[in-house]
Every structure is written in C-alpha cells, then in structure tokens.
C-alpha atoms as a PDB file:
ATOM      1  CA  MET A   1     125.341 119.096 104.138  1.00  0.00           C
ATOM      2  CA  THR A   2     121.812 118.422 102.969  1.00  0.00           C
ATOM      3  CA  VAL A   3     121.403 117.385  99.356  1.00  0.00           C
ATOM      4  CA  ALA A   4     118.275 119.072  98.008  1.00  0.00           C
ATOM      5  CA  VAL A   5     116.126 118.312  94.992  1.00  0.00           C
ATOM      6  CA  GLU A   6     116.656 120.630  92.031  1.00  0.00           C
ATOM      7  CA  ARG A   7     113.905 119.453  89.699  1.00  0.00           C
ATOM      8  CA  PRO A   8     110.966 121.064  87.915  1.00  0.00           C
ATOM      9  CA  ARG A   9     108.139 121.235  90.459  1.00  0.00           C
ATOM     10  CA  LEU A  10     104.770 122.894  90.828  1.00  0.00           C
ATOM     11  CA  ARG A  11     102.364 123.389  93.739  1.00  0.00           C
ATOM     12  CA  PHE A  12      98.686 122.428  93.625  1.00  0.00           C
ATOM     13  CA  PHE A  13      95.813 122.479  96.107  1.00  0.00           C
ATOM     14  CA  ALA A  14      93.228 119.695  96.321  1.00  0.00           C
ATOM     15  CA  ALA A  15      89.787 120.238  97.851  1.00  0.00           C
ATOM     16  CA  THR A  16      88.386 117.564 100.157  1.00  0.00           C
ATOM     17  CA  ARG A  17      84.659 116.929 100.447  1.00  0.00           C
ATOM     18  CA  ASP A  18      84.679 118.070 104.078  1.00  0.00           C
ATOM     19  CA  GLY A  19      86.195 121.501 103.638  1.00  0.00           C
ATOM     20  CA  TRP A  20      89.992 121.296 103.496  1.00  0.00           C
ATOM     21  CA  GLU A  21      92.480 122.489 100.868  1.00  0.00           C
ATOM     22  CA  LEU A  22      95.473 120.118 100.750  1.00  0.00           C
ATOM     23  CA  GLU A  23      98.895 121.263  99.576  1.00  0.00           C
ATOM     24  CA  LEU A  24     100.533 119.012  96.958  1.00  0.00           C
ATOM     25  CA  TRP A  25     103.787 119.308  95.024  1.00  0.00           C
ATOM     26  CA  ARG A  26     104.475 117.743  91.639  1.00  0.00           C
ATOM     27  CA  HIS A  27     108.101 116.884  90.801  1.00  0.00           C
ATOM     28  CA  LEU A  28     108.887 116.150  87.154  1.00  0.00           C
ATOM     29  CA  PRO A  29     111.920 114.298  85.795  1.00  0.00           C
ATOM     30  CA  ALA A  30     114.444 116.528  84.060  1.00  0.00           C
ATOM     31  CA  PRO A  31     114.810 116.130  80.276  1.00  0.00           C
ATOM     32  CA  LYS A  32     118.070 114.234  80.688  1.00  0.00           C
ATOM     33  CA  ASP A  33     116.392 111.540  82.805  1.00  0.00           C
ATOM     34  CA  ASP A  34     114.756 108.381  81.560  1.00  0.00           C
ATOM     35  CA  PRO A  35     111.396 108.735  79.750  1.00  0.00           C
ATOM     36  CA  LEU A  36     108.365 109.173  81.977  1.00  0.00           C
ATOM     37  CA  ARG A  37     107.007 105.973  83.445  1.00  0.00           C
ATOM     38  CA  PRO A  38     103.369 105.246  82.598  1.00  0.00           C
ATOM     39  CA  LEU A  39     102.200 105.950  86.157  1.00  0.00           C
ATOM     40  CA  PRO A  40     102.869 108.725  88.679  1.00  0.00           C
ATOM     41  CA  VAL A  41     103.859 108.153  92.320  1.00  0.00           C
ATOM     42  CA  LEU A  42     102.178 109.792  95.333  1.00  0.00           C
ATOM     43  CA  VAL A  43     104.203 109.886  98.575  1.00  0.00           C
ATOM     44  CA  VAL A  44     102.119 110.113 101.774  1.00  0.00           C
ATOM     45  CA  PRO A  45     103.747 111.272 105.051  1.00  0.00           C
ATOM     46  CA  GLY A  46     103.262 109.652 108.440  1.00  0.00           C
ATOM     47  CA  TYR A  47     102.531 110.643 112.028  1.00  0.00           C
ATOM     48  CA  ALA A  48     103.340 114.321 112.682  1.00  0.00           C
ATOM     49  CA  GLN A  49     105.444 114.259 109.523  1.00  0.00           C
ATOM     50  CA  THR A  50     105.862 116.608 106.580  1.00  0.00           C
ATOM     51  CA  PRO A  51     106.990 115.812 103.006  1.00  0.00           C
ATOM     52  CA  TYR A  52     110.246 117.697 103.689  1.00  0.00           C
ATOM     53  CA  LEU A  53     111.646 114.334 104.779  1.00  0.00           C
ATOM     54  CA  PHE A  54     111.241 112.987 101.247  1.00  0.00           C
ATOM     55  CA  ASN A  55     112.926 115.908  99.504  1.00  0.00           C
ATOM     56  CA  VAL A  56     116.329 116.055 101.207  1.00  0.00           C
ATOM     57  CA  HIS A  57     118.984 113.668 102.448  1.00  0.00           C
ATOM     58  CA  PRO A  58     122.122 114.446 104.481  1.00  0.00           C
ATOM     59  CA  ARG A  59     124.590 112.603 102.256  1.00  0.00           C
ATOM     60  CA  GLY A  60     122.959 111.602  98.983  1.00  0.00           C
ATOM     61  CA  PRO A  61     119.911 111.736  96.727  1.00  0.00           C
ATOM     62  CA  SER A  62     116.575 111.960  98.521  1.00  0.00           C
ATOM     63  CA  LEU A  63     113.625 109.644  97.973  1.00  0.00           C
ATOM     64  CA  VAL A  64     111.996 112.150  95.591  1.00  0.00           C
ATOM     65  CA  GLU A  65     115.232 112.742  93.700  1.00  0.00           C
ATOM     66  CA  THR A  66     115.741 108.987  93.338  1.00  0.00           C
ATOM     67  CA  LEU A  67     112.226 108.514  91.980  1.00  0.00           C
ATOM     68  CA  VAL A  68     112.351 111.379  89.488  1.00  0.00           C
ATOM     69  CA  GLY A  69     115.837 110.259  88.473  1.00  0.00           C
ATOM     70  CA  ALA A  70     114.294 106.898  87.614  1.00  0.00           C
ATOM     71  CA  GLY A  71     111.775 108.688  85.394  1.00  0.00           C
ATOM     72  CA  PHE A  72     108.772 108.862  87.719  1.00  0.00           C
ATOM     73  CA  GLU A  73     106.551 111.901  88.036  1.00  0.00           C
ATOM     74  CA  THR A  74     106.481 112.150  91.838  1.00  0.00           C
ATOM     75  CA  TRP A  75     103.925 113.895  94.049  1.00  0.00           C
ATOM     76  CA  THR A  76     104.032 114.741  97.755  1.00  0.00           C
ATOM     77  CA  VAL A  77     101.054 115.777  99.868  1.00  0.00           C
ATOM     78  CA  HIS A  78     100.625 117.692 103.103  1.00  0.00           C
ATOM     79  CA  LEU A  79      97.772 115.995 104.956  1.00  0.00           C
ATOM     80  CA  ARG A  80      95.278 118.227 106.746  1.00  0.00           C
ATOM     81  CA  GLY A  81      96.735 120.226 109.608  1.00  0.00           C
ATOM     82  CA  THR A  82     100.278 120.346 108.169  1.00  0.00           C
ATOM     83  CA  GLY A  83     102.158 122.687 105.821  1.00  0.00           C
ATOM     84  CA  GLN A  84      99.924 125.074 103.921  1.00  0.00           C
ATOM     85  CA  SER A  85      96.952 122.683 103.953  1.00  0.00           C
ATOM     86  CA  ARG A  86      94.116 124.696 105.427  1.00  0.00           C
ATOM     87  CA  PRO A  87      90.424 124.519 106.307  1.00  0.00           C
ATOM     88  CA  ARG A  88      88.147 126.446 103.961  1.00  0.00           C
ATOM     89  CA  GLY A  89      85.813 127.468 106.773  1.00  0.00           C
ATOM     90  CA  THR A  90      84.791 126.931 110.360  1.00  0.00           C
ATOM     91  CA  GLU A  91      82.849 123.769 109.486  1.00  0.00           C
ATOM     92  CA  ALA A  92      85.818 121.864 108.022  1.00  0.00           C
ATOM     93  CA  GLY A  93      86.153 118.253 109.120  1.00  0.00           C
ATOM     94  CA  PRO A  94      88.439 117.084 111.935  1.00  0.00           C
ATOM     95  CA  VAL A  95      92.056 115.979 111.730  1.00  0.00           C
ATOM     96  CA  SER A  96      91.926 112.206 112.199  1.00  0.00           C
ATOM     97  CA  LEU A  97      93.074 108.894 110.739  1.00  0.00           C
ATOM     98  CA  LEU A  98      89.573 108.345 109.403  1.00  0.00           C
ATOM     99  CA  SER A  99      89.608 111.728 107.656  1.00  0.00           C
ATOM    100  CA  TYR A 100      93.040 111.031 106.189  1.00  0.00           C
ATOM    101  CA  ALA A 101      91.752 107.744 104.725  1.00  0.00           C
ATOM    102  CA  ASP A 102      88.266 108.823 103.641  1.00  0.00           C
ATOM    103  CA  GLU A 103      88.860 112.445 102.606  1.00  0.00           C
ATOM    104  CA  ASP A 104      92.547 113.372 102.144  1.00  0.00           C
ATOM    105  CA  LEU A 105      93.661 110.336 100.150  1.00  0.00           C
ATOM    106  CA  PRO A 106      90.728 110.530  97.688  1.00  0.00           C
ATOM    107  CA  ALA A 107      91.293 114.285  97.195  1.00  0.00           C
ATOM    108  CA  ALA A 108      95.023 113.809  96.659  1.00  0.00           C
ATOM    109  CA  LEU A 109      94.462 110.948  94.218  1.00  0.00           C
ATOM    110  CA  ARG A 110      91.961 113.031  92.223  1.00  0.00           C
ATOM    111  CA  ALA A 111      94.430 115.916  92.014  1.00  0.00           C
ATOM    112  CA  VAL A 112      97.327 113.699  90.957  1.00  0.00           C
ATOM    113  CA  LEU A 113      95.377 112.000  88.187  1.00  0.00           C
ATOM    114  CA  GLU A 114      93.823 115.274  87.010  1.00  0.00           C
ATOM    115  CA  HIS A 115      97.122 117.161  86.781  1.00  0.00           C
ATOM    116  CA  SER A 116      99.533 114.342  85.947  1.00  0.00           C
ATOM    117  CA  THR A 117     101.506 114.776  82.731  1.00  0.00           C
ATOM    118  CA  THR A 118     101.309 110.983  82.276  1.00  0.00           C
ATOM    119  CA  ARG A 119      97.520 111.014  81.619  1.00  0.00           C
ATOM    120  CA  ALA A 120      97.368 107.834  83.699  1.00  0.00           C
ATOM    121  CA  ARG A 121      94.208 106.581  85.388  1.00  0.00           C
ATOM    122  CA  ARG A 122      96.044 105.078  88.354  1.00  0.00           C
ATOM    123  CA  THR A 123      98.982 105.995  90.569  1.00  0.00           C
ATOM    124  CA  PHE A 124     101.418 104.230  92.846  1.00  0.00           C
ATOM    125  CA  ILE A 125     101.375 105.192  96.530  1.00  0.00           C
ATOM    126  CA  ILE A 126     104.374 105.216  98.857  1.00  0.00           C
ATOM    127  CA  GLY A 127     103.183 105.478 102.462  1.00  0.00           C
ATOM    128  CA  SER A 128     105.700 106.516 105.093  1.00  0.00           C
ATOM    129  CA  SER A 129     105.040 104.972 108.521  1.00  0.00           C
ATOM    130  CA  LEU A 130     101.475 105.990 109.444  1.00  0.00           C
ATOM    131  CA  GLY A 131     101.006 107.120 105.840  1.00  0.00           C
ATOM    132  CA  GLY A 132     101.161 103.459 104.833  1.00  0.00           C
ATOM    133  CA  SER A 133      98.603 102.561 107.492  1.00  0.00           C
ATOM    134  CA  VAL A 134      96.290 105.312 106.206  1.00  0.00           C
ATOM    135  CA  THR A 135      96.720 103.884 102.697  1.00  0.00           C
ATOM    136  CA  TYR A 136      95.717 100.439 104.002  1.00  0.00           C
ATOM    137  CA  ALA A 137      92.600 101.984 105.555  1.00  0.00           C
ATOM    138  CA  HIS A 138      91.745 103.833 102.343  1.00  0.00           C
ATOM    139  CA  LEU A 139      92.026 100.614 100.335  1.00  0.00           C
ATOM    140  CA  ALA A 140      89.913  98.723 102.864  1.00  0.00           C
ATOM    141  CA  ARG A 141      87.152 101.348 102.878  1.00  0.00           C
ATOM    142  CA  THR A 142      87.241 102.695  99.316  1.00  0.00           C
ATOM    143  CA  GLY A 143      88.898 100.100  97.093  1.00  0.00           C
ATOM    144  CA  GLN A 144      91.872  99.932  94.753  1.00  0.00           C
ATOM    145  CA  GLU A 145      90.463 101.385  91.533  1.00  0.00           C
ATOM    146  CA  ARG A 146      92.845 104.374  91.314  1.00  0.00           C
ATOM    147  CA  ILE A 147      95.900 102.733  92.892  1.00  0.00           C
ATOM    148  CA  ALA A 148      98.350 100.579  90.919  1.00  0.00           C
ATOM    149  CA  GLY A 149     100.522  99.410  93.815  1.00  0.00           C
ATOM    150  CA  VAL A 150     101.622 100.278  97.343  1.00  0.00           C
ATOM    151  CA  VAL A 151     104.995 100.668  99.029  1.00  0.00           C
ATOM    152  CA  ALA A 152     104.711 100.773 102.836  1.00  0.00           C
ATOM    153  CA  LEU A 153     107.811 102.123 104.622  1.00  0.00           C
ATOM    154  CA  GLY A 154     107.755 101.022 108.270  1.00  0.00           C
ATOM    155  CA  SER A 155     103.934 100.990 108.384  1.00  0.00           C
ATOM    156  CA  PRO A 156     101.995  99.102 111.073  1.00  0.00           C
ATOM    157  CA  LEU A 157      98.730  97.276 110.475  1.00  0.00           C
ATOM    158  CA  ARG A 158      98.417  94.982 113.485  1.00  0.00           C
ATOM    159  CA  TRP A 159     100.304  96.009 116.635  1.00  0.00           C
ATOM    160  CA  ASP A 160     102.110  92.787 117.535  1.00  0.00           C
ATOM    161  CA  SER A 161     104.468  93.291 120.514  1.00  0.00           C
ATOM    162  CA  PRO A 162     104.700  97.106 120.401  1.00  0.00           C
ATOM    163  CA  HIS A 163     107.717  98.749 122.010  1.00  0.00           C
ATOM    164  CA  PRO A 164     107.274  99.816 125.687  1.00  0.00           C
ATOM    165  CA  ILE A 165     107.944 103.424 124.670  1.00  0.00           C
ATOM    166  CA  VAL A 166     105.042 103.319 122.214  1.00  0.00           C
ATOM    167  CA  LEU A 167     102.769 101.767 124.835  1.00  0.00           C
ATOM    168  CA  ALA A 168     103.787 104.452 127.348  1.00  0.00           C
ATOM    169  CA  LEU A 169     103.174 107.306 124.900  1.00  0.00           C
ATOM    170  CA  PHE A 170      99.685 106.023 124.031  1.00  0.00           C
ATOM    171  CA  ALA A 171      98.707 104.404 127.306  1.00  0.00           C
ATOM    172  CA  SER A 172      95.665 106.525 128.103  1.00  0.00           C
ATOM    173  CA  ARG A 173      92.849 107.970 126.005  1.00  0.00           C
ATOM    174  CA  ARG A 174      92.357 110.683 128.628  1.00  0.00           C
ATOM    175  CA  LEU A 175      96.023 111.661 128.404  1.00  0.00           C
ATOM    176  CA  ALA A 176      95.952 111.603 124.592  1.00  0.00           C
ATOM    177  CA  GLU A 177      92.985 113.997 124.612  1.00  0.00           C
ATOM    178  CA  ALA A 178      94.320 116.309 127.311  1.00  0.00           C
ATOM    179  CA  VAL A 179      97.979 116.871 126.437  1.00  0.00           C
ATOM    180  CA  PRO A 180      98.365 120.063 124.346  1.00  0.00           C
ATOM    181  CA  MET A 181     100.052 119.424 120.997  1.00  0.00           C
ATOM    182  CA  LYS A 182     100.600 122.987 119.744  1.00  0.00           C
ATOM    183  CA  GLY A 183     104.298 123.797 119.654  1.00  0.00           C
ATOM    184  CA  VAL A 184     105.396 120.181 120.109  1.00  0.00           C
ATOM    185  CA  SER A 185     107.128 120.225 116.721  1.00  0.00           C
ATOM    186  CA  ARG A 186     109.347 123.170 117.735  1.00  0.00           C
ATOM    187  CA  LEU A 187     110.302 121.494 121.006  1.00  0.00           C
ATOM    188  CA  ALA A 188     110.974 118.157 119.339  1.00  0.00           C
ATOM    189  CA  SER A 189     113.081 119.768 116.624  1.00  0.00           C
ATOM    190  CA  ARG A 190     115.403 121.163 119.288  1.00  0.00           C
ATOM    191  CA  LEU A 191     115.637 117.971 121.335  1.00  0.00           C
ATOM    192  CA  LEU A 192     115.719 115.231 118.689  1.00  0.00           C
ATOM    193  CA  PRO A 193     119.195 115.797 117.178  1.00  0.00           C
ATOM    194  CA  PRO A 194     121.182 115.888 120.450  1.00  0.00           C
ATOM    195  CA  LEU A 195     119.160 113.062 122.024  1.00  0.00           C
ATOM    196  CA  ALA A 196     119.636 110.920 118.933  1.00  0.00           C
ATOM    197  CA  ARG A 197     123.380 111.495 118.881  1.00  0.00           C
ATOM    198  CA  ALA A 198     123.560 110.602 122.568  1.00  0.00           C
ATOM    199  CA  GLY A 199     121.827 107.275 121.898  1.00  0.00           C
ATOM    200  CA  TRP A 200     118.628 108.070 123.810  1.00  0.00           C
ATOM    201  CA  LEU A 201     116.395 107.539 120.801  1.00  0.00           C
ATOM    202  CA  ARG A 202     117.503 104.099 119.664  1.00  0.00           C
ATOM    203  CA  ALA A 203     113.874 103.100 119.134  1.00  0.00           C
ATOM    204  CA  TYR A 204     113.633 105.897 116.557  1.00  0.00           C
ATOM    205  CA  VAL A 205     117.066 106.311 114.982  1.00  0.00           C
ATOM    206  CA  ASN A 206     120.547 104.758 115.125  1.00  0.00           C
ATOM    207  CA  GLY A 207     122.704 107.355 116.882  1.00  0.00           C
ATOM    208  CA  SER A 208     125.592 106.786 114.503  1.00  0.00           C
ATOM    209  CA  HIS A 209     123.309 107.676 111.606  1.00  0.00           C
ATOM    210  CA  ALA A 210     122.121 110.786 113.412  1.00  0.00           C
ATOM    211  CA  ASP A 211     125.713 112.023 113.362  1.00  0.00           C
ATOM    212  CA  ASP A 212     125.389 112.273 109.600  1.00  0.00           C
ATOM    213  CA  ALA A 213     121.832 113.612 109.582  1.00  0.00           C
ATOM    214  CA  ASP A 214     121.574 117.323 108.893  1.00  0.00           C
ATOM    215  CA  GLU A 215     119.616 118.768 111.822  1.00  0.00           C
ATOM    216  CA  ARG A 216     117.444 120.703 109.387  1.00  0.00           C
ATOM    217  CA  LEU A 217     116.177 117.383 108.046  1.00  0.00           C
ATOM    218  CA  LEU A 218     114.886 116.289 111.453  1.00  0.00           C
ATOM    219  CA  VAL A 219     113.536 119.769 112.173  1.00  0.00           C
ATOM    220  CA  GLY A 220     111.759 120.230 108.840  1.00  0.00           C
ATOM    221  CA  ALA A 221     110.212 116.754 108.956  1.00  0.00           C
ATOM    222  CA  ILE A 222     108.205 117.361 112.157  1.00  0.00           C
ATOM    223  CA  ALA A 223     104.666 118.725 112.454  1.00  0.00           C
ATOM    224  CA  ASP A 224     102.503 119.186 115.548  1.00  0.00           C
ATOM    225  CA  PRO A 225     100.682 115.918 116.400  1.00  0.00           C
ATOM    226  CA  SER A 226      96.886 115.807 116.457  1.00  0.00           C
ATOM    227  CA  PRO A 227      95.047 114.924 119.704  1.00  0.00           C
ATOM    228  CA  ASN A 228      92.365 113.136 117.643  1.00  0.00           C
ATOM    229  CA  VAL A 229      94.977 110.995 115.916  1.00  0.00           C
ATOM    230  CA  ASN A 230      96.612 110.270 119.290  1.00  0.00           C
ATOM    231  CA  VAL A 231      93.285 108.986 120.604  1.00  0.00           C
ATOM    232  CA  GLU A 232      92.804 106.784 117.538  1.00  0.00           C
ATOM    233  CA  ILE A 233      96.312 105.339 117.938  1.00  0.00           C
ATOM    234  CA  THR A 234      95.626 104.683 121.640  1.00  0.00           C
ATOM    235  CA  GLU A 235      92.490 102.716 120.720  1.00  0.00           C
ATOM    236  CA  TRP A 236      94.346 100.929 117.923  1.00  0.00           C
ATOM    237  CA  LEU A 237      97.092  99.777 120.289  1.00  0.00           C
ATOM    238  CA  ALA A 238      94.519  98.559 122.803  1.00  0.00           C
ATOM    239  CA  ARG A 239      92.768  96.450 120.135  1.00  0.00           C
ATOM    240  CA  CYS A 240      95.936  95.487 118.214  1.00  0.00           C
ATOM    241  CA  ASP A 241      93.902  95.583 114.989  1.00  0.00           C
ATOM    242  CA  LEU A 242      93.162  98.763 113.018  1.00  0.00           C
ATOM    243  CA  MET A 243      89.451  99.587 113.054  1.00  0.00           C
ATOM    244  CA  LEU A 244      88.274 102.816 111.412  1.00  0.00           C
ATOM    245  CA  GLY A 245      84.683 103.879 110.878  1.00  0.00           C
ATOM    246  CA  GLY A 246      83.493 100.378 111.730  1.00  0.00           C
ATOM    247  CA  THR A 247      85.826  98.761 109.169  1.00  0.00           C
ATOM    248  CA  ASP A 248      88.207  95.975 110.167  1.00  0.00           C
ATOM    249  CA  VAL A 249      91.039  97.094 107.902  1.00  0.00           C
ATOM    250  CA  ALA A 250      93.027  93.841 107.950  1.00  0.00           C
ATOM    251  CA  ALA A 251      89.950  91.779 107.102  1.00  0.00           C
ATOM    252  CA  GLU A 252      89.036  94.004 104.149  1.00  0.00           C
ATOM    253  CA  LEU A 253      92.583  93.983 102.758  1.00  0.00           C
ATOM    254  CA  GLY A 254      91.906  90.385 101.752  1.00  0.00           C
ATOM    255  CA  ARG A 255      89.978  91.892  98.825  1.00  0.00           C
ATOM    256  CA  VAL A 256      92.956  93.977  97.656  1.00  0.00           C
ATOM    257  CA  THR A 257      94.972  92.395  94.846  1.00  0.00           C
ATOM    258  CA  ILE A 258      97.360  95.164  93.670  1.00  0.00           C
ATOM    259  CA  PRO A 259     101.131  94.711  94.260  1.00  0.00           C
ATOM    260  CA  LEU A 260     102.564  95.447  97.718  1.00  0.00           C
ATOM    261  CA  LEU A 261     106.123  96.110  98.875  1.00  0.00           C
ATOM    262  CA  VAL A 262     106.666  96.207 102.653  1.00  0.00           C
ATOM    263  CA  VAL A 263     109.906  97.906 103.724  1.00  0.00           C
ATOM    264  CA  ALA A 264     110.900  97.281 107.347  1.00  0.00           C
ATOM    265  CA  ALA A 265     113.878  98.302 109.473  1.00  0.00           C
ATOM    266  CA  ASN A 266     115.541  95.348 111.210  1.00  0.00           C
ATOM    267  CA  ARG A 267     115.632  97.071 114.645  1.00  0.00           C
ATOM    268  CA  ASP A 268     112.687  99.448 114.402  1.00  0.00           C
ATOM    269  CA  GLY A 269     111.599 100.319 117.927  1.00  0.00           C
ATOM    270  CA  LEU A 270     108.477 102.232 116.904  1.00  0.00           C
ATOM    271  CA  VAL A 271     107.095  99.806 114.331  1.00  0.00           C
ATOM    272  CA  PRO A 272     108.571  96.346 115.071  1.00  0.00           C
ATOM    273  CA  LEU A 273     109.113  93.888 112.249  1.00  0.00           C
ATOM    274  CA  ALA A 274     105.982  91.925 113.192  1.00  0.00           C
ATOM    275  CA  ALA A 275     103.828  95.067 113.010  1.00  0.00           C
ATOM    276  CA  ALA A 276     105.280  96.094 109.634  1.00  0.00           C
ATOM    277  CA  ARG A 277     104.981  92.578 108.181  1.00  0.00           C
ATOM    278  CA  SER A 278     101.416  92.057 109.428  1.00  0.00           C
ATOM    279  CA  ALA A 279     100.030  93.483 106.178  1.00  0.00           C
ATOM    280  CA  VAL A 280     101.576  90.593 104.253  1.00  0.00           C
ATOM    281  CA  ALA A 281      99.280  88.016 105.866  1.00  0.00           C
ATOM    282  CA  ALA A 282      96.230  90.248 105.354  1.00  0.00           C
ATOM    283  CA  TRP A 283      96.881  91.087 101.691  1.00  0.00           C
ATOM    284  CA  GLY A 284      94.698  89.451  99.065  1.00  0.00           C
ATOM    285  CA  GLY A 285      97.087  89.676  96.115  1.00  0.00           C
ATOM    286  CA  ALA A 286      99.936  87.334  95.222  1.00  0.00           C
ATOM    287  CA  ASP A 287     102.487  90.033  94.281  1.00  0.00           C
ATOM    288  CA  VAL A 288     103.790  90.814  97.781  1.00  0.00           C
ATOM    289  CA  GLU A 289     107.422  91.409  98.731  1.00  0.00           C
ATOM    290  CA  VAL A 290     109.224  92.320 101.957  1.00  0.00           C
ATOM    291  CA  LEU A 291     112.464  94.316 102.029  1.00  0.00           C
ATOM    292  CA  GLU A 292     114.119  94.123 105.458  1.00  0.00           C
ATOM    293  CA  VAL A 293     116.790  96.807 105.786  1.00  0.00           C
ATOM    294  CA  GLY A 294     119.765  96.786 108.155  1.00  0.00           C
ATOM    295  CA  THR A 295     122.441  94.418 109.408  1.00  0.00           C
ATOM    296  CA  HIS A 296     123.777  93.433 112.824  1.00  0.00           C
ATOM    297  CA  GLU A 297     126.647  95.894 112.451  1.00  0.00           C
ATOM    298  CA  ASP A 298     124.731  98.681 110.702  1.00  0.00           C
ATOM    299  CA  TRP A 299     121.243  98.322 112.111  1.00  0.00           C
ATOM    300  CA  PHE A 300     118.265 100.452 111.079  1.00  0.00           C
ATOM    301  CA  SER A 301     115.570 101.892 113.287  1.00  0.00           C
ATOM    302  CA  HIS A 302     112.465 103.801 112.187  1.00  0.00           C
ATOM    303  CA  ALA A 303     113.863 107.110 110.905  1.00  0.00           C
ATOM    304  CA  ASP A 304     116.930 105.397 109.444  1.00  0.00           C
ATOM    305  CA  LEU A 305     114.800 104.349 106.482  1.00  0.00           C
ATOM    306  CA  PHE A 306     115.127 108.017 105.439  1.00  0.00           C
ATOM    307  CA  VAL A 307     118.158 109.564 107.162  1.00  0.00           C
ATOM    308  CA  ALA A 308     120.760 106.775 107.290  1.00  0.00           C
ATOM    309  CA  PRO A 309     123.816 107.404 105.089  1.00  0.00           C
ATOM    310  CA  THR A 310     123.019 104.245 103.108  1.00  0.00           C
ATOM    311  CA  ALA A 311     119.259 104.866 102.833  1.00  0.00           C
ATOM    312  CA  PRO A 312     119.562 106.051  99.197  1.00  0.00           C
ATOM    313  CA  THR A 313     121.151 102.758  98.082  1.00  0.00           C
ATOM    314  CA  ARG A 314     119.444 100.373 100.524  1.00  0.00           C
ATOM    315  CA  VAL A 315     115.928 101.846 100.525  1.00  0.00           C
ATOM    316  CA  PHE A 316     115.285 104.458  97.814  1.00  0.00           C
ATOM    317  CA  VAL A 317     116.905 102.653  94.859  1.00  0.00           C
ATOM    318  CA  PRO A 318     115.255  99.258  95.613  1.00  0.00           C
ATOM    319  CA  VAL A 319     111.891 101.013  95.915  1.00  0.00           C
ATOM    320  CA  ALA A 320     112.414 102.733  92.549  1.00  0.00           C
ATOM    321  CA  HIS A 321     113.403  99.401  90.962  1.00  0.00           C
ATOM    322  CA  TRP A 322     110.310  97.694  92.397  1.00  0.00           C
ATOM    323  CA  LEU A 323     108.054 100.448  91.048  1.00  0.00           C
ATOM    324  CA  ALA A 324     109.734 100.296  87.646  1.00  0.00           C
ATOM    325  CA  GLY A 325     109.025  96.578  87.406  1.00  0.00           C
ATOM    326  CA  ARG A 326     105.352  97.077  88.215  1.00  0.00           C
ATOM    327  CA  ALA A 327     105.069 100.096  85.923  1.00  0.00           C
ATOM    328  CA  ILE A 328     106.179  97.949  82.993  1.00  0.00           C
ATOM    329  CA  LEU A 329     103.395  95.482  83.786  1.00  0.00           C
ATOM    330  CA  ALA A 330     100.768  98.183  84.277  1.00  0.00           C
ATOM    331  CA  PRO A 331      98.260  99.071  81.538  1.00  0.00           C
ATOM    332  CA  PRO A 332      99.509 101.887  79.283  1.00  0.00           C
ATOM    333  CA  ALA A 333      98.511 105.487  79.928  1.00  0.00           C
ATOM    334  CA  THR A 334      95.342 106.574  78.165  1.00  0.00           C
END
C-alpha cells in the first residue's frame, strides 16, 4: 500500500525565458512539525521521471514527507515536457539537457525564492539521477549564487565504466534520433513491475525490493523520454565527460564551493559508483560527503534509492539530517 503525503501544498507555474510554463508544487510542514528551516529545498527529477516518485513510498514516508517532517519547505518541479508543464507557443525552446540547465533550473529557482514562505535568498537542491547532472551543469554555466547546497542521488558526471545495458541503449546517435518516444511511458509502466520482480532489471532495481514496490509508484514515476535528451546522453557517453553548450562541466565545477552530498547505490547498474562519485573529484569546495547505500545481503540498484523498503531510513532520513546541518550554518533568512 502506497503511503502518500498529506501536507499543505500549492501549485505554481514558472515561466522560462524560452517560452515554457513549468509546473511546481510547494509542500509546507504541518504546524505540529519542527519550525521552518531557514532555506527551502527544491527536488529535481531525472531522466524520463516525474516528481510522483518523491511523493509516495510503498512502505513508509516518502522523500517529500521526510523533508517536510524535518521542517523543510519542499518544492518539486516538472521539467519541460512532463506533467502539466507546457509550451506557451509554437516558438518555445526544445526539450534538452541544455535547456533544463540554462532555462528550467533558473525559472524554478526564481519561483521558489519568490513564493517561499521562508523569505530566503537561496535554496537547497536535491537532484535525482539526471536531475543531479542537470544541477551540475547549471552550476557550471550559471554559478552558485542562489543555491546553498546540493544533494545528488545516483547522478553521473563522468561516465567511468558504464553498464553494457546503458551503452547498448545509447549506442547510436542515429538510433537515438529515430526511435519514437511517444507512448514509451505507458509501455514501460506495464512492463517494469513484472520484469523487476522476475529479476530482469537488476541494473535498475533489486527484484526483492520490487516485490514491496506499489506498481503505481513505478507507473506514476515514468514520463516519455525526449529524443533530444537521448542524443545528448549518447554524445556524453561517447566523450565520458559532460559537455553542454561548449562548457566542460567537470572543469567548471572546480569553481563551485557550496556543500555537496553524493548518494550512491552500491550495485547501481545504470549509474555505477565511479560515475556517481566522479563529482567529488571535480568539486571545488571542501564540504563534500559520499553516502553509499546498500550491503552485500541487501544491495541497492538505481531505483532502490527511492523504492526499497529501507529507503526512508537509509536514504531519506540521512539526506534530511545532512540538509539540517547545512541549514544551521547557512545565513539567516532575510
């Protein structure tokens, strides 16, 4: 049975400079919770992912519920092309990693800081999978002025030793451009739960954890992939290093000094440990931590960071504690 968030929440739309309206949700702590932290938290979804994944959990409190329970005003965003995010006209910009970093993140950050009840000038960002990579790119290209710290959940920067499945999926630019993506989310939502339980998706999720995962969680978390993003990932894998708009993201992260927490699954087949930890070597600041989740007996793959029965205690709570420690050190709200 899925455990859903029952917290005060409100929907907003943020306008990008290139013609998109992005759907955001603000989740406020209930009066009985701890006092509001001085900074809000923005959670950014990953590849073909929706924020639904952050709002429910099969057996315990979700990521959002954990954060608001710890006193954080928590925001989720639908990047362009997902949810109710919509183009304002026929000339709206493309769906791409570059657009996520240069347009969607700035628009979401502006909306959070404009409508936050904390009156803060900066926000924490939690990036899920590719959402963390997009956050790295945003920092490299735009800077850290409005961001107080980053949590990257299974997010690649440099593709060191990618899994053969990942290489096969993104082996050809021509294939990435040609394969139709419309309707993929509906097909995947039907196939993922039974394949996971049968052990065919070990690179993505531990089958024993999938037994506990409410199928609606896997279904609601999937959006149609973007051909443009597929092409960019294909080029990224071929180079190993993330280059967007002429920016070497890893090289520019040496200028970033805000705190970083890297969360990695010990047997992640989509984003191996080396790929997730590669941001540590690139980071310019001294406040950097790595949380490796999973044991030999109860191993974690990519999706287990969200759907595993122990994800609330082994991932969500440590993340909330890390944020609380940095919120105490942050400048007070103004």
